[in-house]
Amino acid sequence: MLCNRGQYIGGIVFLGFDGLKHGYGFWKLTLRFIITLYITKVFDIIVQDQWLVMTSGFFQRIFPETKDCARWHDRDFNNQNQLIRIVTYPFLCMLTAALFLWLGG
């Protein structure tokens, strides 16, 4: 898990400095970060939440003691958290773009 976060942060750093190298301004950097975050969020929702957790029962086989938990079949269990993230991503991307512009130039 820590390795994944490091790679993710490394990717964001690469996107920021590469954008600066190519002369991107605030809005182009922001758009670059937004596209990256939304692509990973779509992957998270479709593959990890819906397919691995709900459809295939992957985690129930790894942790058989949780097989009878009602939350495995409740598709609404994290909709509020996902919605909060989707709404806050543009603001986070603007903050990140401003940080890179401040650091790089």
PDB file of N, CA and C in Angstrom:
ATOM      1  N   MET A   1       0.819  -1.188   0.000  1.00  0.00           N
ATOM      2  CA  MET A   1       0.000   0.000   0.000  1.00  0.00           C
ATOM      3  C   MET A   1       0.861   1.248   0.000  1.00  0.00           C
ATOM      4  N   LEU A   2       1.923   1.246   0.781  1.00  0.00           N
ATOM      5  CA  LEU A   2       2.813   2.397   0.844  1.00  0.00           C
ATOM      6  C   LEU A   2       3.523   2.591  -0.486  1.00  0.00           C
ATOM      7  N   CYS A   3       3.881   1.503  -1.142  1.00  0.00           N
ATOM      8  CA  CYS A   3       4.536   1.577  -2.441  1.00  0.00           C
ATOM      9  C   CYS A   3       3.594   2.203  -3.473  1.00  0.00           C
ATOM     10  N   ASN A   4       2.313   1.839  -3.440  1.00  0.00           N
ATOM     11  CA  ASN A   4       1.337   2.428  -4.357  1.00  0.00           C
ATOM     12  C   ASN A   4       1.217   3.924  -4.159  1.00  0.00           C
ATOM     13  N   ARG A   5       1.160   4.359  -2.923  1.00  0.00           N
ATOM     14  CA  ARG A   5       1.044   5.796  -2.646  1.00  0.00           C
ATOM     15  C   ARG A   5       2.281   6.537  -3.117  1.00  0.00           C
ATOM     16  N   GLY A   6       3.444   5.938  -2.922  1.00  0.00           N
ATOM     17  CA  GLY A   6       4.675   6.563  -3.386  1.00  0.00           C
ATOM     18  C   GLY A   6       4.697   6.702  -4.898  1.00  0.00           C
ATOM     19  N   GLN A   7       4.228   5.677  -5.589  1.00  0.00           N
ATOM     20  CA  GLN A   7       4.170   5.735  -7.052  1.00  0.00           C
ATOM     21  C   GLN A   7       3.155   6.781  -7.506  1.00  0.00           C
ATOM     22  N   TYR A   8       2.050   6.870  -6.807  1.00  0.00           N
ATOM     23  CA  TYR A   8       1.015   7.848  -7.156  1.00  0.00           C
ATOM     24  C   TYR A   8       1.537   9.267  -6.964  1.00  0.00           C
ATOM     25  N   ILE A   9       2.191   9.515  -5.844  1.00  0.00           N
ATOM     26  CA  ILE A   9       2.761  10.838  -5.583  1.00  0.00           C
ATOM     27  C   ILE A   9       3.865  11.133  -6.602  1.00  0.00           C
ATOM     28  N   GLY A  10       4.668  10.131  -6.911  1.00  0.00           N
ATOM     29  CA  GLY A  10       5.694  10.300  -7.937  1.00  0.00           C
ATOM     30  C   GLY A  10       5.099  10.658  -9.288  1.00  0.00           C
ATOM     31  N   GLY A  11       3.977  10.055  -9.630  1.00  0.00           N
ATOM     32  CA  GLY A  11       3.296  10.379 -10.883  1.00  0.00           C
ATOM     33  C   GLY A  11       2.787  11.810 -10.906  1.00  0.00           C
ATOM     34  N   ILE A  12       2.233  12.265  -9.794  1.00  0.00           N
ATOM     35  CA  ILE A  12       1.752  13.646  -9.701  1.00  0.00           C
ATOM     36  C   ILE A  12       2.920  14.620  -9.820  1.00  0.00           C
ATOM     37  N   VAL A  13       4.037  14.306  -9.147  1.00  0.00           N
ATOM     38  CA  VAL A  13       5.220  15.162  -9.240  1.00  0.00           C
ATOM     39  C   VAL A  13       5.733  15.205 -10.677  1.00  0.00           C
ATOM     40  N   PHE A  14       5.768  14.058 -11.332  1.00  0.00           N
ATOM     41  CA  PHE A  14       6.196  14.018 -12.728  1.00  0.00           C
ATOM     42  C   PHE A  14       5.276  14.857 -13.605  1.00  0.00           C
ATOM     43  N   LEU A  15       3.960  14.692 -13.441  1.00  0.00           N
ATOM     44  CA  LEU A  15       3.008  15.461 -14.246  1.00  0.00           C
ATOM     45  C   LEU A  15       3.190  16.961 -14.034  1.00  0.00           C
ATOM     46  N   GLY A  16       3.433  17.356 -12.787  1.00  0.00           N
ATOM     47  CA  GLY A  16       3.594  18.775 -12.496  1.00  0.00           C
ATOM     48  C   GLY A  16       4.843  19.363 -13.106  1.00  0.00           C
ATOM     49  N   PHE A  17       5.979  18.730 -12.879  1.00  0.00           N
ATOM     50  CA  PHE A  17       7.227  19.272 -13.404  1.00  0.00           C
ATOM     51  C   PHE A  17       7.320  19.137 -14.924  1.00  0.00           C
ATOM     52  N   ASP A  18       6.748  18.085 -15.489  1.00  0.00           N
ATOM     53  CA  ASP A  18       6.721  17.941 -16.944  1.00  0.00           C
ATOM     54  C   ASP A  18       5.849  19.030 -17.568  1.00  0.00           C
ATOM     55  N   GLY A  19       4.734  19.330 -16.925  1.00  0.00           N
ATOM     56  CA  GLY A  19       3.884  20.417 -17.415  1.00  0.00           C
ATOM     57  C   GLY A  19       4.589  21.755 -17.353  1.00  0.00           C
ATOM     58  N   LEU A  20       5.327  21.990 -16.290  1.00  0.00           N
ATOM     59  CA  LEU A  20       6.090  23.236 -16.186  1.00  0.00           C
ATOM     60  C   LEU A  20       7.160  23.310 -17.272  1.00  0.00           C
ATOM     61  N   LYS A  21       7.803  22.175 -17.525  1.00  0.00           N
ATOM     62  CA  LYS A  21       8.840  22.130 -18.558  1.00  0.00           C
ATOM     63  C   LYS A  21       8.273  22.469 -19.940  1.00  0.00           C
ATOM     64  N   HIS A  22       7.039  22.094 -20.177  1.00  0.00           N
ATOM     65  CA  HIS A  22       6.398  22.358 -21.461  1.00  0.00           C
ATOM     66  C   HIS A  22       5.643  23.691 -21.475  1.00  0.00           C
ATOM     67  N   GLY A  23       5.798  24.480 -20.440  1.00  0.00           N
ATOM     68  CA  GLY A  23       5.210  25.814 -20.419  1.00  0.00           C
ATOM     69  C   GLY A  23       3.743  25.872 -20.072  1.00  0.00           C
ATOM     70  N   TYR A  24       3.222  24.873 -19.404  1.00  0.00           N
ATOM     71  CA  TYR A  24       1.808  24.881 -19.021  1.00  0.00           C
ATOM     72  C   TYR A  24       1.564  25.943 -17.963  1.00  0.00           C
ATOM     73  N   GLY A  25       0.427  26.585 -18.081  1.00  0.00           N
ATOM     74  CA  GLY A  25      -0.004  27.546 -17.084  1.00  0.00           C
ATOM     75  C   GLY A  25      -0.883  26.878 -16.044  1.00  0.00           C
ATOM     76  N   PHE A  26      -1.525  27.709 -15.249  1.00  0.00           N
ATOM     77  CA  PHE A  26      -2.349  27.228 -14.140  1.00  0.00           C
ATOM     78  C   PHE A  26      -3.462  26.302 -14.614  1.00  0.00           C
ATOM     79  N   TRP A  27      -4.228  26.718 -15.626  1.00  0.00           N
ATOM     80  CA  TRP A  27      -5.397  25.942 -16.028  1.00  0.00           C
ATOM     81  C   TRP A  27      -5.024  24.658 -16.747  1.00  0.00           C
ATOM     82  N   LYS A  28      -3.957  24.662 -17.523  1.00  0.00           N
ATOM     83  CA  LYS A  28      -3.531  23.421 -18.184  1.00  0.00           C
ATOM     84  C   LYS A  28      -3.008  22.412 -17.165  1.00  0.00           C
ATOM     85  N   LEU A  29      -2.266  22.895 -16.175  1.00  0.00           N
ATOM     86  CA  LEU A  29      -1.809  21.989 -15.110  1.00  0.00           C
ATOM     87  C   LEU A  29      -2.997  21.442 -14.329  1.00  0.00           C
ATOM     88  N   THR A  30      -3.946  22.324 -14.024  1.00  0.00           N
ATOM     89  CA  THR A  30      -5.140  21.890 -13.287  1.00  0.00           C
ATOM     90  C   THR A  30      -5.884  20.820 -14.077  1.00  0.00           C
ATOM     91  N   LEU A  31      -6.071  21.046 -15.368  1.00  0.00           N
ATOM     92  CA  LEU A  31      -6.767  20.069 -16.202  1.00  0.00           C
ATOM     93  C   LEU A  31      -6.010  18.742 -16.254  1.00  0.00           C
ATOM     94  N   ARG A  32      -4.706  18.817 -16.313  1.00  0.00           N
ATOM     95  CA  ARG A  32      -3.876  17.604 -16.332  1.00  0.00           C
ATOM     96  C   ARG A  32      -4.084  16.794 -15.048  1.00  0.00           C
ATOM     97  N   PHE A  33      -4.101  17.463 -13.913  1.00  0.00           N
ATOM     98  CA  PHE A  33      -4.319  16.763 -12.643  1.00  0.00           C
ATOM     99  C   PHE A  33      -5.745  16.238 -12.526  1.00  0.00           C
ATOM    100  N   ILE A  34      -6.717  17.013 -13.000  1.00  0.00           N
ATOM    101  CA  ILE A  34      -8.120  16.575 -12.938  1.00  0.00           C
ATOM    102  C   ILE A  34      -8.318  15.298 -13.761  1.00  0.00           C
ATOM    103  N   ILE A  35      -7.780  15.278 -14.969  1.00  0.00           N
ATOM    104  CA  ILE A  35      -7.925  14.091 -15.825  1.00  0.00           C
ATOM    105  C   ILE A  35      -7.309  12.873 -15.141  1.00  0.00           C
ATOM    106  N   THR A  36      -6.126  13.048 -14.559  1.00  0.00           N
ATOM    107  CA  THR A  36      -5.460  11.932 -13.884  1.00  0.00           C
ATOM    108  C   THR A  36      -6.276  11.429 -12.695  1.00  0.00           C
ATOM    109  N   LEU A  37      -6.760  12.342 -11.860  1.00  0.00           N
ATOM    110  CA  LEU A  37      -7.519  11.917 -10.674  1.00  0.00           C
ATOM    111  C   LEU A  37      -8.847  11.262 -11.050  1.00  0.00           C
ATOM    112  N   TYR A  38      -9.537  11.810 -12.051  1.00  0.00           N
ATOM    113  CA  TYR A  38     -10.815  11.217 -12.425  1.00  0.00           C
ATOM    114  C   TYR A  38     -10.652   9.851 -13.092  1.00  0.00           C
ATOM    115  N   ILE A  39      -9.588   9.660 -13.857  1.00  0.00           N
ATOM    116  CA  ILE A  39      -9.346   8.334 -14.441  1.00  0.00           C
ATOM    117  C   ILE A  39      -9.103   7.310 -13.337  1.00  0.00           C
ATOM    118  N   THR A  40      -8.301   7.669 -12.340  1.00  0.00           N
ATOM    119  CA  THR A  40      -8.066   6.731 -11.238  1.00  0.00           C
ATOM    120  C   THR A  40      -9.320   6.513 -10.405  1.00  0.00           C
ATOM    121  N   LYS A  41     -10.172   7.533 -10.279  1.00  0.00           N
ATOM    122  CA  LYS A  41     -11.415   7.380  -9.510  1.00  0.00           C
ATOM    123  C   LYS A  41     -12.384   6.458 -10.244  1.00  0.00           C
ATOM    124  N   VAL A  42     -12.479   6.583 -11.566  1.00  0.00           N
ATOM    125  CA  VAL A  42     -13.352   5.688 -12.344  1.00  0.00           C
ATOM    126  C   VAL A  42     -12.865   4.248 -12.206  1.00  0.00           C
ATOM    127  N   PHE A  43     -11.543   4.043 -12.278  1.00  0.00           N
ATOM    128  CA  PHE A  43     -10.987   2.713 -12.084  1.00  0.00           C
ATOM    129  C   PHE A  43     -11.324   2.187 -10.687  1.00  0.00           C
ATOM    130  N   ASP A  44     -11.183   3.040  -9.682  1.00  0.00           N
ATOM    131  CA  ASP A  44     -11.481   2.644  -8.302  1.00  0.00           C
ATOM    132  C   ASP A  44     -12.944   2.226  -8.150  1.00  0.00           C
ATOM    133  N   ILE A  45     -13.843   3.012  -8.700  1.00  0.00           N
ATOM    134  CA  ILE A  45     -15.269   2.714  -8.542  1.00  0.00           C
ATOM    135  C   ILE A  45     -15.662   1.455  -9.310  1.00  0.00           C
ATOM    136  N   ILE A  46     -15.239   1.357 -10.572  1.00  0.00           N
ATOM    137  CA  ILE A  46     -15.678   0.236 -11.411  1.00  0.00           C
ATOM    138  C   ILE A  46     -14.965  -1.060 -11.046  1.00  0.00           C
ATOM    139  N   VAL A  47     -13.648  -1.027 -10.985  1.00  0.00           N
ATOM    140  CA  VAL A  47     -12.896  -2.268 -10.799  1.00  0.00           C
ATOM    141  C   VAL A  47     -12.818  -2.661  -9.332  1.00  0.00           C
ATOM    142  N   GLN A  48     -12.356  -1.768  -8.499  1.00  0.00           N
ATOM    143  CA  GLN A  48     -12.127  -2.159  -7.110  1.00  0.00           C
ATOM    144  C   GLN A  48     -13.421  -2.286  -6.312  1.00  0.00           C
ATOM    145  N   ASP A  49     -14.274  -1.259  -6.367  1.00  0.00           N
ATOM    146  CA  ASP A  49     -15.492  -1.305  -5.553  1.00  0.00           C
ATOM    147  C   ASP A  49     -16.541  -2.260  -6.110  1.00  0.00           C
ATOM    148  N   GLN A  50     -16.885  -2.082  -7.377  1.00  0.00           N
ATOM    149  CA  GLN A  50     -17.994  -2.854  -7.922  1.00  0.00           C
ATOM    150  C   GLN A  50     -17.603  -4.283  -8.290  1.00  0.00           C
ATOM    151  N   TRP A  51     -16.485  -4.446  -8.977  1.00  0.00           N
ATOM    152  CA  TRP A  51     -16.144  -5.784  -9.436  1.00  0.00           C
ATOM    153  C   TRP A  51     -15.489  -6.617  -8.345  1.00  0.00           C
ATOM    154  N   LEU A  52     -14.399  -6.129  -7.744  1.00  0.00           N
ATOM    155  CA  LEU A  52     -13.694  -6.942  -6.749  1.00  0.00           C
ATOM    156  C   LEU A  52     -14.505  -7.147  -5.474  1.00  0.00           C
ATOM    157  N   VAL A  53     -15.100  -6.083  -4.983  1.00  0.00           N
ATOM    158  CA  VAL A  53     -15.811  -6.188  -3.706  1.00  0.00           C
ATOM    159  C   VAL A  53     -17.203  -6.770  -3.883  1.00  0.00           C
ATOM    160  N   MET A  54     -17.977  -6.226  -4.795  1.00  0.00           N
ATOM    161  CA  MET A  54     -19.385  -6.604  -4.894  1.00  0.00           C
ATOM    162  C   MET A  54     -19.641  -7.849  -5.744  1.00  0.00           C
ATOM    163  N   THR A  55     -19.038  -7.919  -6.913  1.00  0.00           N
ATOM    164  CA  THR A  55     -19.401  -8.956  -7.872  1.00  0.00           C
ATOM    165  C   THR A  55     -18.618 -10.247  -7.688  1.00  0.00           C
ATOM    166  N   SER A  56     -17.306 -10.160  -7.624  1.00  0.00           N
ATOM    167  CA  SER A  56     -16.504 -11.383  -7.619  1.00  0.00           C
ATOM    168  C   SER A  56     -16.346 -12.013  -6.233  1.00  0.00           C
ATOM    169  N   GLY A  57     -16.541 -11.228  -5.176  1.00  0.00           N
ATOM    170  CA  GLY A  57     -16.350 -11.775  -3.837  1.00  0.00           C
ATOM    171  C   GLY A  57     -14.897 -12.040  -3.504  1.00  0.00           C
ATOM    172  N   PHE A  58     -13.996 -11.304  -4.132  1.00  0.00           N
ATOM    173  CA  PHE A  58     -12.558 -11.506  -3.959  1.00  0.00           C
ATOM    174  C   PHE A  58     -12.137 -11.399  -2.497  1.00  0.00           C
ATOM    175  N   PHE A  59     -12.562 -10.339  -1.827  1.00  0.00           N
ATOM    176  CA  PHE A  59     -12.133 -10.131  -0.445  1.00  0.00           C
ATOM    177  C   PHE A  59     -12.807 -11.098   0.527  1.00  0.00           C
ATOM    178  N   GLN A  60     -13.996 -11.579   0.191  1.00  0.00           N
ATOM    179  CA  GLN A  60     -14.641 -12.569   1.046  1.00  0.00           C
ATOM    180  C   GLN A  60     -13.874 -13.886   1.048  1.00  0.00           C
ATOM    181  N   ARG A  61     -13.211 -14.197  -0.076  1.00  0.00           N
ATOM    182  CA  ARG A  61     -12.403 -15.416  -0.118  1.00  0.00           C
ATOM    183  C   ARG A  61     -11.103 -15.237   0.662  1.00  0.00           C
ATOM    184  N   ILE A  62     -10.554 -14.031   0.658  1.00  0.00           N
ATOM    185  CA  ILE A  62      -9.325 -13.776   1.414  1.00  0.00           C
ATOM    186  C   ILE A  62      -9.618 -13.732   2.913  1.00  0.00           C
ATOM    187  N   PHE A  63     -10.736 -13.099   3.273  1.00  0.00           N
ATOM    188  CA  PHE A  63     -11.146 -12.975   4.668  1.00  0.00           C
ATOM    189  C   PHE A  63     -12.470 -13.700   4.859  1.00  0.00           C
ATOM    190  N   PRO A  64     -12.461 -15.032   4.960  1.00  0.00           N
ATOM    191  CA  PRO A  64     -13.718 -15.790   5.014  1.00  0.00           C
ATOM    192  C   PRO A  64     -14.566 -15.482   6.250  1.00  0.00           C
ATOM    193  N   GLU A  65     -13.944 -14.957   7.296  1.00  0.00           N
ATOM    194  CA  GLU A  65     -14.721 -14.637   8.495  1.00  0.00           C
ATOM    195  C   GLU A  65     -15.686 -13.477   8.266  1.00  0.00           C
ATOM    196  N   THR A  66     -15.495 -12.733   7.177  1.00  0.00           N
ATOM    197  CA  THR A  66     -16.389 -11.605   6.888  1.00  0.00           C
ATOM    198  C   THR A  66     -17.444 -11.952   5.839  1.00  0.00           C
ATOM    199  N   LYS A  67     -17.554 -13.210   5.482  1.00  0.00           N
ATOM    200  CA  LYS A  67     -18.447 -13.617   4.399  1.00  0.00           C
ATOM    201  C   LYS A  67     -19.915 -13.262   4.656  1.00  0.00           C
ATOM    202  N   ASP A  68     -20.348 -13.291   5.909  1.00  0.00           N
ATOM    203  CA  ASP A  68     -21.754 -13.036   6.230  1.00  0.00           C
ATOM    204  C   ASP A  68     -22.066 -11.571   6.511  1.00  0.00           C
ATOM    205  N   CYS A  69     -21.113 -10.688   6.348  1.00  0.00           N
ATOM    206  CA  CYS A  69     -21.350  -9.264   6.589  1.00  0.00           C
ATOM    207  C   CYS A  69     -22.308  -8.709   5.538  1.00  0.00           C
ATOM    208  N   ALA A  70     -23.277  -7.953   6.001  1.00  0.00           N
ATOM    209  CA  ALA A  70     -24.278  -7.395   5.085  1.00  0.00           C
ATOM    210  C   ALA A  70     -23.699  -6.317   4.188  1.00  0.00           C
ATOM    211  N   ARG A  71     -22.649  -5.654   4.594  1.00  0.00           N
ATOM    212  CA  ARG A  71     -22.081  -4.541   3.836  1.00  0.00           C
ATOM    213  C   ARG A  71     -21.468  -4.975   2.501  1.00  0.00           C
ATOM    214  N   TRP A  72     -21.102  -6.234   2.340  1.00  0.00           N
ATOM    215  CA  TRP A  72     -20.525  -6.683   1.079  1.00  0.00           C
ATOM    216  C   TRP A  72     -21.512  -6.558  -0.073  1.00  0.00           C
ATOM    217  N   HIS A  73     -22.787  -6.615   0.228  1.00  0.00           N
ATOM    218  CA  HIS A  73     -23.807  -6.571  -0.819  1.00  0.00           C
ATOM    219  C   HIS A  73     -24.540  -5.236  -0.863  1.00  0.00           C
ATOM    220  N   ASP A  74     -24.123  -4.280  -0.053  1.00  0.00           N
ATOM    221  CA  ASP A  74     -24.748  -2.958   0.007  1.00  0.00           C
ATOM    222  C   ASP A  74     -23.964  -2.006  -0.889  1.00  0.00           C
ATOM    223  N   ARG A  75     -24.495  -1.732  -2.065  1.00  0.00           N
ATOM    224  CA  ARG A  75     -23.779  -0.889  -3.027  1.00  0.00           C
ATOM    225  C   ARG A  75     -23.751   0.588  -2.632  1.00  0.00           C
ATOM    226  N   ASP A  76     -24.503   0.979  -1.642  1.00  0.00           N
ATOM    227  CA  ASP A  76     -24.535   2.377  -1.216  1.00  0.00           C
ATOM    228  C   ASP A  76     -23.584   2.687  -0.068  1.00  0.00           C
ATOM    229  N   PHE A  77     -22.778   1.709   0.338  1.00  0.00           N
ATOM    230  CA  PHE A  77     -22.002   1.892   1.554  1.00  0.00           C
ATOM    231  C   PHE A  77     -20.959   2.989   1.458  1.00  0.00           C
ATOM    232  N   ASN A  78     -20.453   3.287   0.278  1.00  0.00           N
ATOM    233  CA  ASN A  78     -19.446   4.342   0.197  1.00  0.00           C
ATOM    234  C   ASN A  78     -19.776   5.404  -0.845  1.00  0.00           C
ATOM    235  N   ASN A  79     -21.022   5.506  -1.245  1.00  0.00           N
ATOM    236  CA  ASN A  79     -21.401   6.504  -2.236  1.00  0.00           C
ATOM    237  C   ASN A  79     -21.142   7.927  -1.747  1.00  0.00           C
ATOM    238  N   GLN A  80     -21.402   8.191  -0.477  1.00  0.00           N
ATOM    239  CA  GLN A  80     -21.179   9.534   0.059  1.00  0.00           C
ATOM    240  C   GLN A  80     -19.686   9.884   0.024  1.00  0.00           C
ATOM    241  N   ASN A  81     -18.827   8.949   0.413  1.00  0.00           N
ATOM    242  CA  ASN A  81     -17.389   9.208   0.365  1.00  0.00           C
ATOM    243  C   ASN A  81     -16.911   9.431  -1.069  1.00  0.00           C
ATOM    244  N   GLN A  82     -17.411   8.637  -2.002  1.00  0.00           N
ATOM    245  CA  GLN A  82     -17.017   8.805  -3.401  1.00  0.00           C
ATOM    246  C   GLN A  82     -17.477  10.160  -3.921  1.00  0.00           C
ATOM    247  N   LEU A  83     -18.689  10.561  -3.579  1.00  0.00           N
ATOM    248  CA  LEU A  83     -19.226  11.841  -4.037  1.00  0.00           C
ATOM    249  C   LEU A  83     -18.422  13.008  -3.470  1.00  0.00           C
ATOM    250  N   ILE A  84     -18.044  12.927  -2.215  1.00  0.00           N
ATOM    251  CA  ILE A  84     -17.227  13.984  -1.602  1.00  0.00           C
ATOM    252  C   ILE A  84     -15.901  14.109  -2.339  1.00  0.00           C
ATOM    253  N   ARG A  85     -15.279  12.993  -2.650  1.00  0.00           N
ATOM    254  CA  ARG A  85     -14.005  13.033  -3.379  1.00  0.00           C
ATOM    255  C   ARG A  85     -14.180  13.609  -4.774  1.00  0.00           C
ATOM    256  N   ILE A  86     -15.216  13.206  -5.476  1.00  0.00           N
ATOM    257  CA  ILE A  86     -15.440  13.701  -6.837  1.00  0.00           C
ATOM    258  C   ILE A  86     -15.662  15.213  -6.845  1.00  0.00           C
ATOM    259  N   VAL A  87     -16.364  15.730  -5.837  1.00  0.00           N
ATOM    260  CA  VAL A  87     -16.625  17.167  -5.769  1.00  0.00           C
ATOM    261  C   VAL A  87     -15.372  17.942  -5.361  1.00  0.00           C
ATOM    262  N   THR A  88     -14.543  17.391  -4.499  1.00  0.00           N
ATOM    263  CA  THR A  88     -13.370  18.128  -4.018  1.00  0.00           C
ATOM    264  C   THR A  88     -12.154  18.016  -4.944  1.00  0.00           C
ATOM    265  N   TYR A  89     -12.154  17.083  -5.876  1.00  0.00           N
ATOM    266  CA  TYR A  89     -10.990  16.914  -6.758  1.00  0.00           C
ATOM    267  C   TYR A  89     -10.611  18.170  -7.537  1.00  0.00           C
ATOM    268  N   PRO A  90     -11.543  18.902  -8.145  1.00  0.00           N
ATOM    269  CA  PRO A  90     -11.114  20.101  -8.879  1.00  0.00           C
ATOM    270  C   PRO A  90     -10.391  21.122  -7.987  1.00  0.00           C
ATOM    271  N   PHE A  91     -10.851  21.277  -6.756  1.00  0.00           N
ATOM    272  CA  PHE A  91     -10.205  22.226  -5.847  1.00  0.00           C
ATOM    273  C   PHE A  91      -8.812  21.734  -5.445  1.00  0.00           C
ATOM    274  N   LEU A  92      -8.698  20.445  -5.212  1.00  0.00           N
ATOM    275  CA  LEU A  92      -7.397  19.859  -4.903  1.00  0.00           C
ATOM    276  C   LEU A  92      -6.437  20.016  -6.085  1.00  0.00           C
ATOM    277  N   CYS A  93      -6.951  19.849  -7.285  1.00  0.00           N
ATOM    278  CA  CYS A  93      -6.117  20.000  -8.480  1.00  0.00           C
ATOM    279  C   CYS A  93      -5.676  21.447  -8.674  1.00  0.00           C
ATOM    280  N   MET A  94      -6.558  22.397  -8.378  1.00  0.00           N
ATOM    281  CA  MET A  94      -6.171  23.805  -8.469  1.00  0.00           C
ATOM    282  C   MET A  94      -5.082  24.133  -7.454  1.00  0.00           C
ATOM    283  N   LEU A  95      -5.226  23.602  -6.256  1.00  0.00           N
ATOM    284  CA  LEU A  95      -4.219  23.822  -5.221  1.00  0.00           C
ATOM    285  C   LEU A  95      -2.883  23.201  -5.621  1.00  0.00           C
ATOM    286  N   THR A  96      -2.925  22.008  -6.183  1.00  0.00           N
ATOM    287  CA  THR A  96      -1.697  21.340  -6.617  1.00  0.00           C
ATOM    288  C   THR A  96      -1.037  22.090  -7.767  1.00  0.00           C
ATOM    289  N   ALA A  97      -1.823  22.570  -8.721  1.00  0.00           N
ATOM    290  CA  ALA A  97      -1.265  23.334  -9.837  1.00  0.00           C
ATOM    291  C   ALA A  97      -0.631  24.623  -9.320  1.00  0.00           C
ATOM    292  N   ALA A  98      -1.279  25.298  -8.392  1.00  0.00           N
ATOM    293  CA  ALA A  98      -0.720  26.529  -7.821  1.00  0.00           C
ATOM    294  C   ALA A  98       0.592  26.222  -7.084  1.00  0.00           C
ATOM    295  N   LEU A  99       0.637  25.113  -6.387  1.00  0.00           N
ATOM    296  CA  LEU A  99       1.859  24.722  -5.677  1.00  0.00           C
ATOM    297  C   LEU A  99       3.013  24.484  -6.654  1.00  0.00           C
ATOM    298  N   PHE A 100       2.729  23.794  -7.751  1.00  0.00           N
ATOM    299  CA  PHE A 100       3.787  23.545  -8.733  1.00  0.00           C
ATOM    300  C   PHE A 100       4.232  24.824  -9.417  1.00  0.00           C
ATOM    301  N   LEU A 101       3.302  25.721  -9.703  1.00  0.00           N
ATOM    302  CA  LEU A 101       3.692  27.000 -10.299  1.00  0.00           C
ATOM    303  C   LEU A 101       4.534  27.815  -9.321  1.00  0.00           C
ATOM    304  N   TRP A 102       4.207  27.742  -8.054  1.00  0.00           N
ATOM    305  CA  TRP A 102       4.990  28.450  -7.031  1.00  0.00           C
ATOM    306  C   TRP A 102       6.382  27.846  -6.884  1.00  0.00           C
ATOM    307  N   LEU A 103       6.449  26.501  -6.909  1.00  0.00           N
ATOM    308  CA  LEU A 103       7.738  25.831  -6.778  1.00  0.00           C
ATOM    309  C   LEU A 103       8.611  25.983  -8.020  1.00  0.00           C
ATOM    310  N   GLY A 104       7.976  25.929  -9.189  1.00  0.00           N
ATOM    311  CA  GLY A 104       8.743  25.903 -10.412  1.00  0.00           C
ATOM    312  C   GLY A 104       8.981  27.251 -11.069  1.00  0.00           C
ATOM    313  N   GLY A 105       8.413  28.264 -10.544  1.00  0.00           N
ATOM    314  CA  GLY A 105       8.715  29.456 -11.275  1.00  0.00           C
ATOM    315  C   GLY A 105       8.203  30.712 -10.768  1.00  0.00           C
TER     316      GLY A 105
END
